[in-house]
Amino acid sequence: MYKFRAKHLFICAFSSAIPVLAGTSAIGVAVSQGNIVVNNLKAPGSATIFDGNVLQTSDSPSQVRLTDGAQIRFGTDSRGKLFSDHVDLEKGSASVSGNTGKGYEAKANGLSVRPETNGSA
């Protein structure tokens, strides 16, 4: 009887983790000459970005290349929360560019900016 419960418990635990793993696809990659901080964890040079990650720069700017073609360049001493369709700039500066068709939006202090296709803002 004990072995049956252990198997049953293992199967339940594994099956409940599947939806969590399925929803965690990367939306892009961040690169920098220096350290990047993603969700308060330092990453030397590059980091994979997921929907809702907070990226912070210090002495070096950082560029994020999203899977849909958009690019976000964070200036030094900047911070923003990245999503698949927009960035919420919390501190510093960021520029948005790319060839996405729908445009990638940047938001800061209630202002929204969306460049035209093949444009930058």
C-alpha atoms as a PDB file:
ATOM      1  CA  MET A   1       0.000   0.000   0.000  1.00  0.00           C
ATOM      2  CA  TYR A   2       2.839   2.437   0.750  1.00  0.00           C
ATOM      3  CA  LYS A   3       4.398   1.999  -2.707  1.00  0.00           C
ATOM      4  CA  PHE A   4       1.086   2.769  -4.405  1.00  0.00           C
ATOM      5  CA  ARG A   5       0.739   6.016  -2.470  1.00  0.00           C
ATOM      6  CA  ALA A   6       4.287   7.083  -3.306  1.00  0.00           C
ATOM      7  CA  LYS A   7       3.701   6.487  -7.033  1.00  0.00           C
ATOM      8  CA  HIS A   8       0.364   8.241  -6.881  1.00  0.00           C
ATOM      9  CA  LEU A   9       1.897  11.201  -5.058  1.00  0.00           C
ATOM     10  CA  PHE A  10       4.775  11.413  -7.551  1.00  0.00           C
ATOM     11  CA  ILE A  11       2.391  11.379 -10.529  1.00  0.00           C
ATOM     12  CA  CYS A  12       0.213  14.100  -8.966  1.00  0.00           C
ATOM     13  CA  ALA A  13       3.214  16.279  -8.186  1.00  0.00           C
ATOM     14  CA  PHE A  14       4.632  15.864 -11.703  1.00  0.00           C
ATOM     15  CA  SER A  15       1.336  16.496 -13.481  1.00  0.00           C
ATOM     16  CA  SER A  16       0.685  19.660 -11.476  1.00  0.00           C
ATOM     17  CA  ALA A  17       4.068  21.055 -12.568  1.00  0.00           C
ATOM     18  CA  ILE A  18       3.387  20.633 -16.289  1.00  0.00           C
ATOM     19  CA  PRO A  19       1.195  23.757 -16.731  1.00  0.00           C
ATOM     20  CA  VAL A  20       3.825  25.867 -14.981  1.00  0.00           C
ATOM     21  CA  LEU A  21       6.575  24.608 -17.290  1.00  0.00           C
ATOM     22  CA  ALA A  22       4.445  25.008 -20.412  1.00  0.00           C
ATOM     23  CA  GLY A  23       3.837  28.741 -19.798  1.00  0.00           C
ATOM     24  CA  THR A  24       7.467  29.749 -19.411  1.00  0.00           C
ATOM     25  CA  SER A  25       8.665  30.294 -22.985  1.00  0.00           C
ATOM     26  CA  ALA A  26      11.402  32.855 -23.562  1.00  0.00           C
ATOM     27  CA  ILE A  27      10.472  36.132 -25.270  1.00  0.00           C
ATOM     28  CA  GLY A  28      14.039  37.237 -26.006  1.00  0.00           C
ATOM     29  CA  VAL A  29      17.674  37.642 -25.004  1.00  0.00           C
ATOM     30  CA  ALA A  30      19.419  40.556 -23.269  1.00  0.00           C
ATOM     31  CA  VAL A  31      23.089  41.316 -23.988  1.00  0.00           C
ATOM     32  CA  SER A  32      25.480  43.814 -22.421  1.00  0.00           C
ATOM     33  CA  GLN A  33      29.183  44.593 -22.130  1.00  0.00           C
ATOM     34  CA  GLY A  34      28.749  44.531 -18.346  1.00  0.00           C
ATOM     35  CA  ASN A  35      26.453  42.859 -15.862  1.00  0.00           C
ATOM     36  CA  ILE A  36      22.711  42.671 -16.371  1.00  0.00           C
ATOM     37  CA  VAL A  37      20.368  42.273 -13.428  1.00  0.00           C
ATOM     38  CA  VAL A  38      17.222  40.252 -14.185  1.00  0.00           C
ATOM     39  CA  ASN A  39      14.699  39.925 -11.361  1.00  0.00           C
ATOM     40  CA  ASN A  40      17.405  41.001  -8.870  1.00  0.00           C
ATOM     41  CA  LEU A  41      19.866  38.315 -10.075  1.00  0.00           C
ATOM     42  CA  LYS A  42      23.147  39.326 -11.766  1.00  0.00           C
ATOM     43  CA  ALA A  43      23.919  37.862 -15.173  1.00  0.00           C
ATOM     44  CA  PRO A  44      27.359  38.498 -16.714  1.00  0.00           C
ATOM     45  CA  GLY A  45      26.954  39.601 -20.347  1.00  0.00           C
ATOM     46  CA  SER A  46      23.689  37.942 -21.385  1.00  0.00           C
ATOM     47  CA  ALA A  47      20.423  36.555 -20.060  1.00  0.00           C
ATOM     48  CA  THR A  48      17.290  34.891 -21.392  1.00  0.00           C
ATOM     49  CA  ILE A  49      14.228  37.086 -20.921  1.00  0.00           C
ATOM     50  CA  PHE A  50      10.777  35.770 -20.034  1.00  0.00           C
ATOM     51  CA  ASP A  51       7.436  37.599 -20.047  1.00  0.00           C
ATOM     52  CA  GLY A  52       7.263  39.852 -16.964  1.00  0.00           C
ATOM     53  CA  ASN A  53      11.013  39.883 -16.174  1.00  0.00           C
ATOM     54  CA  VAL A  54      12.465  43.071 -14.705  1.00  0.00           C
ATOM     55  CA  LEU A  55      15.762  44.055 -16.339  1.00  0.00           C
ATOM     56  CA  GLN A  56      18.105  46.561 -14.719  1.00  0.00           C
ATOM     57  CA  THR A  57      21.353  48.054 -16.003  1.00  0.00           C
ATOM     58  CA  SER A  58      24.088  49.798 -14.051  1.00  0.00           C
ATOM     59  CA  ASP A  59      27.269  51.148 -15.688  1.00  0.00           C
ATOM     60  CA  SER A  60      26.689  49.548 -19.114  1.00  0.00           C
ATOM     61  CA  PRO A  61      23.716  49.831 -21.466  1.00  0.00           C
ATOM     62  CA  SER A  62      21.902  46.648 -22.458  1.00  0.00           C
ATOM     63  CA  GLN A  63      20.070  45.536 -25.589  1.00  0.00           C
ATOM     64  CA  VAL A  64      17.152  43.113 -25.603  1.00  0.00           C
ATOM     65  CA  ARG A  65      16.312  41.267 -28.816  1.00  0.00           C
ATOM     66  CA  LEU A  66      12.826  39.810 -28.771  1.00  0.00           C
ATOM     67  CA  THR A  67      11.799  36.735 -30.725  1.00  0.00           C
ATOM     68  CA  ASP A  68       9.325  38.777 -32.833  1.00  0.00           C
ATOM     69  CA  GLY A  69      12.083  41.116 -34.114  1.00  0.00           C
ATOM     70  CA  ALA A  70      11.644  44.061 -31.740  1.00  0.00           C
ATOM     71  CA  GLN A  71      14.687  45.480 -29.947  1.00  0.00           C
ATOM     72  CA  ILE A  72      14.832  47.476 -26.735  1.00  0.00           C
ATOM     73  CA  ARG A  73      17.977  49.336 -25.741  1.00  0.00           C
ATOM     74  CA  PHE A  74      18.208  50.303 -22.070  1.00  0.00           C
ATOM     75  CA  GLY A  75      20.548  53.147 -21.157  1.00  0.00           C
ATOM     76  CA  THR A  76      22.870  53.046 -18.148  1.00  0.00           C
ATOM     77  CA  ASP A  77      21.209  53.022 -14.733  1.00  0.00           C
ATOM     78  CA  SER A  78      17.813  52.010 -16.172  1.00  0.00           C
ATOM     79  CA  ARG A  79      15.114  49.525 -15.189  1.00  0.00           C
ATOM     80  CA  GLY A  80      12.056  48.167 -16.968  1.00  0.00           C
ATOM     81  CA  LYS A  81       9.579  45.310 -16.879  1.00  0.00           C
ATOM     82  CA  LEU A  82       9.506  43.438 -20.188  1.00  0.00           C
ATOM     83  CA  PHE A  83       6.492  41.829 -21.817  1.00  0.00           C
ATOM     84  CA  SER A  84       6.031  40.267 -25.237  1.00  0.00           C
ATOM     85  CA  ASP A  85       4.216  43.379 -26.543  1.00  0.00           C
ATOM     86  CA  HIS A  86       5.542  46.265 -24.413  1.00  0.00           C
ATOM     87  CA  VAL A  87       8.044  47.456 -21.820  1.00  0.00           C
ATOM     88  CA  ASP A  88       7.109  49.376 -18.682  1.00  0.00           C
ATOM     89  CA  LEU A  89      10.051  51.711 -18.106  1.00  0.00           C
ATOM     90  CA  GLU A  90      10.461  52.267 -14.366  1.00  0.00           C
ATOM     91  CA  LYS A  91      13.732  54.225 -14.332  1.00  0.00           C
ATOM     92  CA  GLY A  92      16.240  55.678 -16.783  1.00  0.00           C
ATOM     93  CA  SER A  93      15.912  55.499 -20.555  1.00  0.00           C
ATOM     94  CA  ALA A  94      15.022  52.988 -23.249  1.00  0.00           C
ATOM     95  CA  SER A  95      14.623  53.074 -27.015  1.00  0.00           C
ATOM     96  CA  VAL A  96      12.437  50.700 -29.010  1.00  0.00           C
ATOM     97  CA  SER A  97      12.919  49.623 -32.617  1.00  0.00           C
ATOM     98  CA  GLY A  98      12.317  46.700 -34.909  1.00  0.00           C
ATOM     99  CA  ASN A  99      10.451  45.123 -37.739  1.00  0.00           C
ATOM    100  CA  THR A 100       7.467  43.591 -35.970  1.00  0.00           C
ATOM    101  CA  GLY A 101       4.534  44.794 -38.043  1.00  0.00           C
ATOM    102  CA  LYS A 102       2.408  45.421 -34.960  1.00  0.00           C
ATOM    103  CA  GLY A 103       4.991  47.612 -33.225  1.00  0.00           C
ATOM    104  CA  TYR A 104       6.415  47.184 -29.751  1.00  0.00           C
ATOM    105  CA  GLU A 105       5.197  49.718 -27.198  1.00  0.00           C
ATOM    106  CA  ALA A 106       7.151  51.543 -24.497  1.00  0.00           C
ATOM    107  CA  LYS A 107       5.287  52.931 -21.479  1.00  0.00           C
ATOM    108  CA  ALA A 108       6.552  55.357 -18.842  1.00  0.00           C
ATOM    109  CA  ASN A 109       4.644  57.579 -16.379  1.00  0.00           C
ATOM    110  CA  GLY A 110       1.366  57.179 -18.265  1.00  0.00           C
ATOM    111  CA  LEU A 111       2.902  57.946 -21.683  1.00  0.00           C
ATOM    112  CA  SER A 112       2.820  55.242 -24.379  1.00  0.00           C
ATOM    113  CA  VAL A 113       5.051  55.289 -27.445  1.00  0.00           C
ATOM    114  CA  ARG A 114       4.777  52.835 -30.332  1.00  0.00           C
ATOM    115  CA  PRO A 115       7.096  53.238 -33.337  1.00  0.00           C
ATOM    116  CA  GLU A 116       5.853  52.587 -36.851  1.00  0.00           C
ATOM    117  CA  THR A 117       6.937  49.402 -38.610  1.00  0.00           C
ATOM    118  CA  ASN A 118      10.707  49.504 -39.193  1.00  0.00           C
ATOM    119  CA  GLY A 119      10.824  52.660 -37.036  1.00  0.00           C
ATOM    120  CA  SER A 120      12.277  53.532 -33.662  1.00  0.00           C
ATOM    121  CA  ALA A 121      11.215  55.601 -30.691  1.00  0.00           C
END
